[in-house]
Amino acid sequence: MIFITGPLYSGKTEYACSLLGCTPEELEGRAIRDTQELARNCADLEALADELAQSEVVIAAEVGGGVVPVDPQERAHREAAGRLACLLAQRAERVIRVFCGLPQVLK
């Protein structure tokens, strides 16, 4: 599995398409996107990471930067998303961070 992460609107989808040689429409069948949303209210992040790791490409937006939310539930959602990203990075063959449209291979 290839794990692609980076800030919102940083070019993750475009990079995944160029990496796989596909269109955004074709990417829908080959990648799981916005996994940070799947972490919300997930009772078993390990199981979710195992399931997602079966995909060809997994894409997640980084949500941990910036202002810490005042709402405890929103903080918990951010923490879950960050923990899921760590679990996915451990399982991935490659980890790529895209920032300003530029890919940076982390693993």
PDB file of N, CA and C in Angstrom:
ATOM      1  N   MET A   1       0.843  -1.174   0.000  1.00  0.00           N
ATOM      2  CA  MET A   1       0.000   0.000   0.000  1.00  0.00           C
ATOM      3  C   MET A   1       0.888   1.237   0.000  1.00  0.00           C
ATOM      4  N   ILE A   2       0.454   2.239  -0.716  1.00  0.00           N
ATOM      5  CA  ILE A   2       1.125   3.538  -0.723  1.00  0.00           C
ATOM      6  C   ILE A   2       0.258   4.487   0.096  1.00  0.00           C
ATOM      7  N   PHE A   3       0.851   5.106   1.094  1.00  0.00           N
ATOM      8  CA  PHE A   3       0.137   6.061   1.944  1.00  0.00           C
ATOM      9  C   PHE A   3       0.586   7.461   1.560  1.00  0.00           C
ATOM     10  N   ILE A   4      -0.380   8.289   1.148  1.00  0.00           N
ATOM     11  CA  ILE A   4      -0.101   9.668   0.746  1.00  0.00           C
ATOM     12  C   ILE A   4      -0.790  10.594   1.734  1.00  0.00           C
ATOM     13  N   THR A   5      -0.040  11.528   2.285  1.00  0.00           N
ATOM     14  CA  THR A   5      -0.586  12.457   3.258  1.00  0.00           C
ATOM     15  C   THR A   5      -0.100  13.864   2.954  1.00  0.00           C
ATOM     16  N   GLY A   6      -0.721  14.815   3.576  1.00  0.00           N
ATOM     17  CA  GLY A   6      -0.344  16.214   3.398  1.00  0.00           C
ATOM     18  C   GLY A   6      -1.518  17.108   3.757  1.00  0.00           C
ATOM     19  N   PRO A   7      -1.283  18.414   3.804  1.00  0.00           N
ATOM     20  CA  PRO A   7      -2.349  19.359   4.154  1.00  0.00           C
ATOM     21  C   PRO A   7      -3.492  19.329   3.139  1.00  0.00           C
ATOM     22  N   LEU A   8      -4.613  19.917   3.519  1.00  0.00           N
ATOM     23  CA  LEU A   8      -5.734  20.050   2.596  1.00  0.00           C
ATOM     24  C   LEU A   8      -5.307  20.815   1.349  1.00  0.00           C
ATOM     25  N   TYR A   9      -5.800  20.396   0.221  1.00  0.00           N
ATOM     26  CA  TYR A   9      -5.573  21.080  -1.061  1.00  0.00           C
ATOM     27  C   TYR A   9      -4.094  21.243  -1.390  1.00  0.00           C
ATOM     28  N   SER A  10      -3.295  20.248  -1.054  1.00  0.00           N
ATOM     29  CA  SER A  10      -1.853  20.326  -1.307  1.00  0.00           C
ATOM     30  C   SER A  10      -1.435  19.576  -2.570  1.00  0.00           C
ATOM     31  N   GLY A  11      -2.376  18.909  -3.230  1.00  0.00           N
ATOM     32  CA  GLY A  11      -2.044  18.192  -4.457  1.00  0.00           C
ATOM     33  C   GLY A  11      -1.949  16.682  -4.286  1.00  0.00           C
ATOM     34  N   LYS A  12      -2.491  16.144  -3.216  1.00  0.00           N
ATOM     35  CA  LYS A  12      -2.404  14.706  -2.955  1.00  0.00           C
ATOM     36  C   LYS A  12      -3.102  13.891  -4.043  1.00  0.00           C
ATOM     37  N   THR A  13      -4.311  14.292  -4.422  1.00  0.00           N
ATOM     38  CA  THR A  13      -5.057  13.555  -5.435  1.00  0.00           C
ATOM     39  C   THR A  13      -4.349  13.614  -6.778  1.00  0.00           C
ATOM     40  N   GLU A  14      -3.900  14.787  -7.160  1.00  0.00           N
ATOM     41  CA  GLU A  14      -3.199  14.943  -8.435  1.00  0.00           C
ATOM     42  C   GLU A  14      -1.922  14.090  -8.456  1.00  0.00           C
ATOM     43  N   TYR A  15      -1.211  14.079  -7.332  1.00  0.00           N
ATOM     44  CA  TYR A  15       0.007  13.269  -7.264  1.00  0.00           C
ATOM     45  C   TYR A  15      -0.328  11.783  -7.378  1.00  0.00           C
ATOM     46  N   ALA A  16      -1.366  11.338  -6.681  1.00  0.00           N
ATOM     47  CA  ALA A  16      -1.761   9.925  -6.749  1.00  0.00           C
ATOM     48  C   ALA A  16      -2.115   9.543  -8.185  1.00  0.00           C
ATOM     49  N   CYS A  17      -2.823  10.418  -8.886  1.00  0.00           N
ATOM     50  CA  CYS A  17      -3.175  10.150 -10.283  1.00  0.00           C
ATOM     51  C   CYS A  17      -1.927  10.035 -11.152  1.00  0.00           C
ATOM     52  N   SER A  18      -0.972  10.932 -10.960  1.00  0.00           N
ATOM     53  CA  SER A  18       0.251  10.869 -11.766  1.00  0.00           C
ATOM     54  C   SER A  18       1.066   9.625 -11.416  1.00  0.00           C
ATOM     55  N   LEU A  19       1.084   9.253 -10.159  1.00  0.00           N
ATOM     56  CA  LEU A  19       1.819   8.069  -9.715  1.00  0.00           C
ATOM     57  C   LEU A  19       1.235   6.794 -10.320  1.00  0.00           C
ATOM     58  N   LEU A  20      -0.093   6.720 -10.359  1.00  0.00           N
ATOM     59  CA  LEU A  20      -0.764   5.522 -10.868  1.00  0.00           C
ATOM     60  C   LEU A  20      -1.080   5.596 -12.354  1.00  0.00           C
ATOM     61  N   GLY A  21      -0.900   6.771 -12.951  1.00  0.00           N
ATOM     62  CA  GLY A  21      -1.212   6.942 -14.369  1.00  0.00           C
ATOM     63  C   GLY A  21      -2.704   6.806 -14.639  1.00  0.00           C
ATOM     64  N   CYS A  22      -3.507   7.469 -13.820  1.00  0.00           N
ATOM     65  CA  CYS A  22      -4.952   7.356 -13.976  1.00  0.00           C
ATOM     66  C   CYS A  22      -5.611   8.724 -13.841  1.00  0.00           C
ATOM     67  N   THR A  23      -6.879   8.767 -14.169  1.00  0.00           N
ATOM     68  CA  THR A  23      -7.663   9.994 -14.026  1.00  0.00           C
ATOM     69  C   THR A  23      -8.238  10.038 -12.609  1.00  0.00           C
ATOM     70  N   PRO A  24      -8.719  11.217 -12.171  1.00  0.00           N
ATOM     71  CA  PRO A  24      -9.366  11.285 -10.850  1.00  0.00           C
ATOM     72  C   PRO A  24     -10.554  10.328 -10.723  1.00  0.00           C
ATOM     73  N   GLU A  25     -11.281  10.128 -11.816  1.00  0.00           N
ATOM     74  CA  GLU A  25     -12.411   9.193 -11.788  1.00  0.00           C
ATOM     75  C   GLU A  25     -11.929   7.761 -11.589  1.00  0.00           C
ATOM     76  N   GLU A  26     -10.848   7.384 -12.265  1.00  0.00           N
ATOM     77  CA  GLU A  26     -10.287   6.037 -12.108  1.00  0.00           C
ATOM     78  C   GLU A  26      -9.674   5.843 -10.725  1.00  0.00           C
ATOM     79  N   LEU A  27      -9.172   6.932 -10.151  1.00  0.00           N
ATOM     80  CA  LEU A  27      -8.568   6.855  -8.830  1.00  0.00           C
ATOM     81  C   LEU A  27      -9.573   6.401  -7.783  1.00  0.00           C
ATOM     82  N   GLU A  28     -10.830   6.773  -7.963  1.00  0.00           N
ATOM     83  CA  GLU A  28     -11.873   6.403  -6.994  1.00  0.00           C
ATOM     84  C   GLU A  28     -11.932   4.897  -6.777  1.00  0.00           C
ATOM     85  N   GLY A  29     -11.661   4.118  -7.802  1.00  0.00           N
ATOM     86  CA  GLY A  29     -11.686   2.666  -7.681  1.00  0.00           C
ATOM     87  C   GLY A  29     -10.392   2.064  -7.173  1.00  0.00           C
ATOM     88  N   ARG A  30      -9.353   2.876  -7.082  1.00  0.00           N
ATOM     89  CA  ARG A  30      -8.038   2.351  -6.708  1.00  0.00           C
ATOM     90  C   ARG A  30      -7.516   2.893  -5.391  1.00  0.00           C
ATOM     91  N   ALA A  31      -8.182   3.888  -4.838  1.00  0.00           N
ATOM     92  CA  ALA A  31      -7.670   4.542  -3.630  1.00  0.00           C
ATOM     93  C   ALA A  31      -8.795   4.794  -2.635  1.00  0.00           C
ATOM     94  N   ILE A  32      -8.409   4.843  -1.384  1.00  0.00           N
ATOM     95  CA  ILE A  32      -9.306   5.270  -0.315  1.00  0.00           C
ATOM     96  C   ILE A  32      -8.867   6.679   0.054  1.00  0.00           C
ATOM     97  N   ARG A  33      -9.803   7.625   0.006  1.00  0.00           N
ATOM     98  CA  ARG A  33      -9.457   9.020   0.283  1.00  0.00           C
ATOM     99  C   ARG A  33     -10.105   9.486   1.577  1.00  0.00           C
ATOM    100  N   ASP A  34      -9.548  10.557   2.121  1.00  0.00           N
ATOM    101  CA  ASP A  34     -10.094  11.208   3.317  1.00  0.00           C
ATOM    102  C   ASP A  34     -10.238  10.241   4.492  1.00  0.00           C
ATOM    103  N   THR A  35      -9.199   9.447   4.705  1.00  0.00           N
ATOM    104  CA  THR A  35      -9.255   8.466   5.792  1.00  0.00           C
ATOM    105  C   THR A  35      -9.320   9.119   7.163  1.00  0.00           C
ATOM    106  N   GLN A  36      -8.932  10.380   7.254  1.00  0.00           N
ATOM    107  CA  GLN A  36      -9.038  11.061   8.541  1.00  0.00           C
ATOM    108  C   GLN A  36     -10.494  11.104   9.000  1.00  0.00           C
ATOM    109  N   GLU A  37     -11.428  11.126   8.066  1.00  0.00           N
ATOM    110  CA  GLU A  37     -12.850  11.114   8.418  1.00  0.00           C
ATOM    111  C   GLU A  37     -13.294   9.740   8.917  1.00  0.00           C
ATOM    112  N   LEU A  38     -12.669   8.684   8.408  1.00  0.00           N
ATOM    113  CA  LEU A  38     -13.018   7.334   8.856  1.00  0.00           C
ATOM    114  C   LEU A  38     -12.608   7.101  10.306  1.00  0.00           C
ATOM    115  N   ALA A  39     -11.619   7.851  10.770  1.00  0.00           N
ATOM    116  CA  ALA A  39     -11.142   7.695  12.143  1.00  0.00           C
ATOM    117  C   ALA A  39     -12.135   8.241  13.165  1.00  0.00           C
ATOM    118  N   ARG A  40     -13.004   9.143  12.729  1.00  0.00           N
ATOM    119  CA  ARG A  40     -13.998   9.717  13.653  1.00  0.00           C
ATOM    120  C   ARG A  40     -14.858   8.609  14.236  1.00  0.00           C
ATOM    121  N   ASN A  41     -14.939   8.582  15.527  1.00  0.00           N
ATOM    122  CA  ASN A  41     -15.809   7.633  16.238  1.00  0.00           C
ATOM    123  C   ASN A  41     -15.490   6.170  15.959  1.00  0.00           C
ATOM    124  N   CYS A  42     -14.292   5.884  15.467  1.00  0.00           N
ATOM    125  CA  CYS A  42     -13.884   4.497  15.223  1.00  0.00           C
ATOM    126  C   CYS A  42     -13.439   3.872  16.541  1.00  0.00           C
ATOM    127  N   ALA A  43     -14.023   2.741  16.866  1.00  0.00           N
ATOM    128  CA  ALA A  43     -13.708   2.074  18.134  1.00  0.00           C
ATOM    129  C   ALA A  43     -12.418   1.271  18.066  1.00  0.00           C
ATOM    130  N   ASP A  44     -12.000   0.863  16.850  1.00  0.00           N
ATOM    131  CA  ASP A  44     -10.817   0.013  16.708  1.00  0.00           C
ATOM    132  C   ASP A  44      -9.954   0.518  15.542  1.00  0.00           C
ATOM    133  N   LEU A  45      -9.051   1.443  15.845  1.00  0.00           N
ATOM    134  CA  LEU A  45      -8.195   2.021  14.798  1.00  0.00           C
ATOM    135  C   LEU A  45      -7.250   0.983  14.195  1.00  0.00           C
ATOM    136  N   GLU A  46      -6.790   0.030  14.995  1.00  0.00           N
ATOM    137  CA  GLU A  46      -5.911  -1.030  14.479  1.00  0.00           C
ATOM    138  C   GLU A  46      -6.629  -1.827  13.389  1.00  0.00           C
ATOM    139  N   ALA A  47      -7.863  -2.229  13.652  1.00  0.00           N
ATOM    140  CA  ALA A  47      -8.637  -2.992  12.668  1.00  0.00           C
ATOM    141  C   ALA A  47      -8.908  -2.158  11.417  1.00  0.00           C
ATOM    142  N   LEU A  48      -9.214  -0.885  11.613  1.00  0.00           N
ATOM    143  CA  LEU A  48      -9.440   0.000  10.473  1.00  0.00           C
ATOM    144  C   LEU A  48      -8.170   0.130   9.642  1.00  0.00           C
ATOM    145  N   ALA A  49      -7.034   0.286  10.296  1.00  0.00           N
ATOM    146  CA  ALA A  49      -5.763   0.391   9.572  1.00  0.00           C
ATOM    147  C   ALA A  49      -5.466  -0.895   8.801  1.00  0.00           C
ATOM    148  N   ASP A  50      -5.741  -2.039   9.414  1.00  0.00           N
ATOM    149  CA  ASP A  50      -5.534  -3.316   8.720  1.00  0.00           C
ATOM    150  C   ASP A  50      -6.402  -3.406   7.470  1.00  0.00           C
ATOM    151  N   GLU A  51      -7.650  -2.970   7.584  1.00  0.00           N
ATOM    152  CA  GLU A  51      -8.569  -2.999   6.451  1.00  0.00           C
ATOM    153  C   GLU A  51      -8.117  -2.039   5.347  1.00  0.00           C
ATOM    154  N   LEU A  52      -7.761  -0.825   5.725  1.00  0.00           N
ATOM    155  CA  LEU A  52      -7.338   0.167   4.733  1.00  0.00           C
ATOM    156  C   LEU A  52      -6.031  -0.229   4.061  1.00  0.00           C
ATOM    157  N   ALA A  53      -5.164  -0.918   4.775  1.00  0.00           N
ATOM    158  CA  ALA A  53      -3.856  -1.309   4.233  1.00  0.00           C
ATOM    159  C   ALA A  53      -3.991  -2.295   3.073  1.00  0.00           C
ATOM    160  N   GLN A  54      -5.170  -2.863   2.875  1.00  0.00           N
ATOM    161  CA  GLN A  54      -5.403  -3.772   1.751  1.00  0.00           C
ATOM    162  C   GLN A  54      -5.599  -3.011   0.439  1.00  0.00           C
ATOM    163  N   SER A  55      -5.762  -1.710   0.510  1.00  0.00           N
ATOM    164  CA  SER A  55      -5.976  -0.876  -0.681  1.00  0.00           C
ATOM    165  C   SER A  55      -4.651  -0.592  -1.372  1.00  0.00           C
ATOM    166  N   GLU A  56      -4.736  -0.241  -2.637  1.00  0.00           N
ATOM    167  CA  GLU A  56      -3.530   0.101  -3.403  1.00  0.00           C
ATOM    168  C   GLU A  56      -2.937   1.418  -2.908  1.00  0.00           C
ATOM    169  N   VAL A  57      -3.796   2.418  -2.699  1.00  0.00           N
ATOM    170  CA  VAL A  57      -3.373   3.739  -2.248  1.00  0.00           C
ATOM    171  C   VAL A  57      -4.342   4.217  -1.172  1.00  0.00           C
ATOM    172  N   VAL A  58      -3.799   4.824  -0.123  1.00  0.00           N
ATOM    173  CA  VAL A  58      -4.601   5.422   0.931  1.00  0.00           C
ATOM    174  C   VAL A  58      -4.164   6.878   1.056  1.00  0.00           C
ATOM    175  N   ILE A  59      -5.132   7.788   1.063  1.00  0.00           N
ATOM    176  CA  ILE A  59      -4.844   9.221   1.108  1.00  0.00           C
ATOM    177  C   ILE A  59      -5.506   9.827   2.340  1.00  0.00           C
ATOM    178  N   ALA A  60      -4.724  10.608   3.090  1.00  0.00           N
ATOM    179  CA  ALA A  60      -5.259  11.264   4.287  1.00  0.00           C
ATOM    180  C   ALA A  60      -4.778  12.704   4.348  1.00  0.00           C
ATOM    181  N   ALA A  61      -5.665  13.590   4.738  1.00  0.00           N
ATOM    182  CA  ALA A  61      -5.274  14.978   4.980  1.00  0.00           C
ATOM    183  C   ALA A  61      -4.721  15.085   6.396  1.00  0.00           C
ATOM    184  N   GLU A  62      -3.642  15.833   6.529  1.00  0.00           N
ATOM    185  CA  GLU A  62      -3.092  16.100   7.858  1.00  0.00           C
ATOM    186  C   GLU A  62      -4.029  17.070   8.565  1.00  0.00           C
ATOM    187  N   VAL A  63      -4.427  16.731   9.777  1.00  0.00           N
ATOM    188  CA  VAL A  63      -5.358  17.585  10.500  1.00  0.00           C
ATOM    189  C   VAL A  63      -4.790  18.065  11.827  1.00  0.00           C
ATOM    190  N   GLY A  64      -3.571  17.715  12.147  1.00  0.00           N
ATOM    191  CA  GLY A  64      -3.006  18.038  13.451  1.00  0.00           C
ATOM    192  C   GLY A  64      -2.350  19.390  13.558  1.00  0.00           C
ATOM    193  N   GLY A  65      -2.098  20.053  12.454  1.00  0.00           N
ATOM    194  CA  GLY A  65      -1.441  21.351  12.512  1.00  0.00           C
ATOM    195  C   GLY A  65      -2.431  22.470  12.790  1.00  0.00           C
ATOM    196  N   GLY A  66      -1.927  23.571  13.229  1.00  0.00           N
ATOM    197  CA  GLY A  66      -2.791  24.726  13.431  1.00  0.00           C
ATOM    198  C   GLY A  66      -3.319  24.835  14.837  1.00  0.00           C
ATOM    199  N   VAL A  67      -4.432  25.513  14.957  1.00  0.00           N
ATOM    200  CA  VAL A  67      -5.037  25.808  16.246  1.00  0.00           C
ATOM    201  C   VAL A  67      -5.683  24.548  16.822  1.00  0.00           C
ATOM    202  N   VAL A  68      -5.450  24.301  18.084  1.00  0.00           N
ATOM    203  CA  VAL A  68      -6.072  23.157  18.762  1.00  0.00           C
ATOM    204  C   VAL A  68      -7.526  23.509  19.059  1.00  0.00           C
ATOM    205  N   PRO A  69      -8.456  22.640  18.645  1.00  0.00           N
ATOM    206  CA  PRO A  69      -9.869  22.944  18.881  1.00  0.00           C
ATOM    207  C   PRO A  69     -10.199  23.027  20.373  1.00  0.00           C
ATOM    208  N   VAL A  70     -11.093  23.920  20.721  1.00  0.00           N
ATOM    209  CA  VAL A  70     -11.542  24.067  22.100  1.00  0.00           C
ATOM    210  C   VAL A  70     -12.444  22.895  22.479  1.00  0.00           C
ATOM    211  N   ASP A  71     -13.248  22.439  21.537  1.00  0.00           N
ATOM    212  CA  ASP A  71     -14.198  21.362  21.780  1.00  0.00           C
ATOM    213  C   ASP A  71     -13.469  20.028  22.006  1.00  0.00           C
ATOM    214  N   PRO A  72     -13.698  19.371  23.138  1.00  0.00           N
ATOM    215  CA  PRO A  72     -13.022  18.106  23.446  1.00  0.00           C
ATOM    216  C   PRO A  72     -13.281  17.009  22.417  1.00  0.00           C
ATOM    217  N   GLN A  73     -14.481  16.974  21.870  1.00  0.00           N
ATOM    218  CA  GLN A  73     -14.794  15.956  20.870  1.00  0.00           C
ATOM    219  C   GLN A  73     -13.989  16.185  19.589  1.00  0.00           C
ATOM    220  N   GLU A  74     -13.849  17.435  19.174  1.00  0.00           N
ATOM    221  CA  GLU A  74     -13.046  17.735  17.986  1.00  0.00           C
ATOM    222  C   GLU A  74     -11.577  17.393  18.216  1.00  0.00           C
ATOM    223  N   ARG A  75     -11.070  17.649  19.424  1.00  0.00           N
ATOM    224  CA  ARG A  75      -9.691  17.254  19.748  1.00  0.00           C
ATOM    225  C   ARG A  75      -9.537  15.740  19.664  1.00  0.00           C
ATOM    226  N   ALA A  76     -10.530  15.024  20.155  1.00  0.00           N
ATOM    227  CA  ALA A  76     -10.487  13.555  20.104  1.00  0.00           C
ATOM    228  C   ALA A  76     -10.501  13.059  18.658  1.00  0.00           C
ATOM    229  N   HIS A  77     -11.276  13.710  17.798  1.00  0.00           N
ATOM    230  CA  HIS A  77     -11.306  13.327  16.381  1.00  0.00           C
ATOM    231  C   HIS A  77      -9.948  13.560  15.731  1.00  0.00           C
ATOM    232  N   ARG A  78      -9.309  14.679  16.037  1.00  0.00           N
ATOM    233  CA  ARG A  78      -7.975  14.959  15.493  1.00  0.00           C
ATOM    234  C   ARG A  78      -6.958  13.929  15.975  1.00  0.00           C
ATOM    235  N   GLU A  79      -7.042  13.592  17.247  1.00  0.00           N
ATOM    236  CA  GLU A  79      -6.114  12.605  17.792  1.00  0.00           C
ATOM    237  C   GLU A  79      -6.307  11.253  17.112  1.00  0.00           C
ATOM    238  N   ALA A  80      -7.553  10.855  16.912  1.00  0.00           N
ATOM    239  CA  ALA A  80      -7.832   9.581  16.242  1.00  0.00           C
ATOM    240  C   ALA A  80      -7.290   9.595  14.813  1.00  0.00           C
ATOM    241  N   ALA A  81      -7.458  10.710  14.109  1.00  0.00           N
ATOM    242  CA  ALA A  81      -6.945  10.813  12.747  1.00  0.00           C
ATOM    243  C   ALA A  81      -5.424  10.708  12.732  1.00  0.00           C
ATOM    244  N   GLY A  82      -4.767  11.356  13.680  1.00  0.00           N
ATOM    245  CA  GLY A  82      -3.312  11.282  13.764  1.00  0.00           C
ATOM    246  C   GLY A  82      -2.822   9.889  14.095  1.00  0.00           C
ATOM    247  N   ARG A  83      -3.509   9.216  15.008  1.00  0.00           N
ATOM    248  CA  ARG A  83      -3.135   7.845  15.368  1.00  0.00           C
ATOM    249  C   ARG A  83      -3.343   6.900  14.192  1.00  0.00           C
ATOM    250  N   LEU A  84      -4.441   7.080  13.453  1.00  0.00           N
ATOM    251  CA  LEU A  84      -4.676   6.257  12.269  1.00  0.00           C
ATOM    252  C   LEU A  84      -3.580   6.486  11.231  1.00  0.00           C
ATOM    253  N   ALA A  85      -3.178   7.731  11.036  1.00  0.00           N
ATOM    254  CA  ALA A  85      -2.107   8.023  10.082  1.00  0.00           C
ATOM    255  C   ALA A  85      -0.818   7.306  10.478  1.00  0.00           C
ATOM    256  N   CYS A  86      -0.502   7.278  11.758  1.00  0.00           N
ATOM    257  CA  CYS A  86       0.698   6.563  12.223  1.00  0.00           C
ATOM    258  C   CYS A  86       0.593   5.070  11.941  1.00  0.00           C
ATOM    259  N   LEU A  87      -0.575   4.502  12.191  1.00  0.00           N
ATOM    260  CA  LEU A  87      -0.782   3.073  11.941  1.00  0.00           C
ATOM    261  C   LEU A  87      -0.680   2.753  10.453  1.00  0.00           C
ATOM    262  N   LEU A  88      -1.224   3.631   9.619  1.00  0.00           N
ATOM    263  CA  LEU A  88      -1.139   3.419   8.173  1.00  0.00           C
ATOM    264  C   LEU A  88       0.295   3.537   7.681  1.00  0.00           C
ATOM    265  N   ALA A  89       1.038   4.495   8.209  1.00  0.00           N
ATOM    266  CA  ALA A  89       2.436   4.666   7.815  1.00  0.00           C
ATOM    267  C   ALA A  89       3.252   3.429   8.184  1.00  0.00           C
ATOM    268  N   GLN A  90       2.958   2.826   9.320  1.00  0.00           N
ATOM    269  CA  GLN A  90       3.661   1.602   9.723  1.00  0.00           C
ATOM    270  C   GLN A  90       3.392   0.465   8.747  1.00  0.00           C
ATOM    271  N   ARG A  91       2.183   0.378   8.241  1.00  0.00           N
ATOM    272  CA  ARG A  91       1.784  -0.721   7.364  1.00  0.00           C
ATOM    273  C   ARG A  91       2.157  -0.485   5.903  1.00  0.00           C
ATOM    274  N   ALA A  92       2.426   0.739   5.541  1.00  0.00           N
ATOM    275  CA  ALA A  92       2.654   1.098   4.138  1.00  0.00           C
ATOM    276  C   ALA A  92       4.021   0.652   3.632  1.00  0.00           C
ATOM    277  N   GLU A  93       4.053   0.303   2.351  1.00  0.00           N
ATOM    278  CA  GLU A  93       5.319   0.040   1.673  1.00  0.00           C
ATOM    279  C   GLU A  93       6.034   1.355   1.397  1.00  0.00           C
ATOM    280  N   ARG A  94       5.234   2.377   1.053  1.00  0.00           N
ATOM    281  CA  ARG A  94       5.771   3.715   0.808  1.00  0.00           C
ATOM    282  C   ARG A  94       4.880   4.741   1.480  1.00  0.00           C
ATOM    283  N   VAL A  95       5.503   5.778   2.021  1.00  0.00           N
ATOM    284  CA  VAL A  95       4.782   6.908   2.596  1.00  0.00           C
ATOM    285  C   VAL A  95       5.283   8.163   1.901  1.00  0.00           C
ATOM    286  N   ILE A  96       4.353   8.931   1.359  1.00  0.00           N
ATOM    287  CA  ILE A  96       4.711  10.141   0.620  1.00  0.00           C
ATOM    288  C   ILE A  96       3.899  11.297   1.173  1.00  0.00           C
ATOM    289  N   ARG A  97       4.581  12.365   1.517  1.00  0.00           N
ATOM    290  CA  ARG A  97       3.908  13.590   1.956  1.00  0.00           C
ATOM    291  C   ARG A  97       3.942  14.567   0.795  1.00  0.00           C
ATOM    292  N   VAL A  98       2.793  15.117   0.474  1.00  0.00           N
ATOM    293  CA  VAL A  98       2.700  16.101  -0.612  1.00  0.00           C
ATOM    294  C   VAL A  98       2.433  17.452   0.021  1.00  0.00           C
ATOM    295  N   PHE A  99       3.294  18.401  -0.298  1.00  0.00           N
ATOM    296  CA  PHE A  99       3.181  19.760   0.231  1.00  0.00           C
ATOM    297  C   PHE A  99       3.390  20.719  -0.921  1.00  0.00           C
ATOM    298  N   CYS A 100       2.446  21.610  -1.153  1.00  0.00           N
ATOM    299  CA  CYS A 100       2.509  22.567  -2.265  1.00  0.00           C
ATOM    300  C   CYS A 100       2.706  21.841  -3.604  1.00  0.00           C
ATOM    301  N   GLY A 101       2.096  20.671  -3.729  1.00  0.00           N
ATOM    302  CA  GLY A 101       2.201  19.907  -4.956  1.00  0.00           C
ATOM    303  C   GLY A 101       3.486  19.140  -5.122  1.00  0.00           C
ATOM    304  N   LEU A 102       4.384  19.245  -4.157  1.00  0.00           N
ATOM    305  CA  LEU A 102       5.683  18.568  -4.245  1.00  0.00           C
ATOM    306  C   LEU A 102       5.710  17.328  -3.361  1.00  0.00           C
ATOM    307  N   PRO A 103       5.995  16.165  -3.953  1.00  0.00           N
ATOM    308  CA  PRO A 103       6.042  14.939  -3.156  1.00  0.00           C
ATOM    309  C   PRO A 103       7.366  14.815  -2.412  1.00  0.00           C
ATOM    310  N   GLN A 104       7.280  14.348  -1.187  1.00  0.00           N
ATOM    311  CA  GLN A 104       8.455  14.089  -0.373  1.00  0.00           C
ATOM    312  C   GLN A 104       8.318  12.651   0.139  1.00  0.00           C
ATOM    313  N   VAL A 105       9.211  11.785  -0.281  1.00  0.00           N
ATOM    314  CA  VAL A 105       9.156  10.381   0.137  1.00  0.00           C
ATOM    315  C   VAL A 105       9.700  10.282   1.552  1.00  0.00           C
ATOM    316  N   LEU A 106       8.850   9.778   2.454  1.00  0.00           N
ATOM    317  CA  LEU A 106       9.247   9.618   3.856  1.00  0.00           C
ATOM    318  C   LEU A 106       9.684   8.184   4.135  1.00  0.00           C
ATOM    319  N   LYS A 107       9.127   7.261   3.381  1.00  0.00           N
ATOM    320  CA  LYS A 107       9.451   5.846   3.592  1.00  0.00           C
ATOM    321  C   LYS A 107       9.376   5.130   2.257  1.00  0.00           C
TER     322      LYS A 107
END
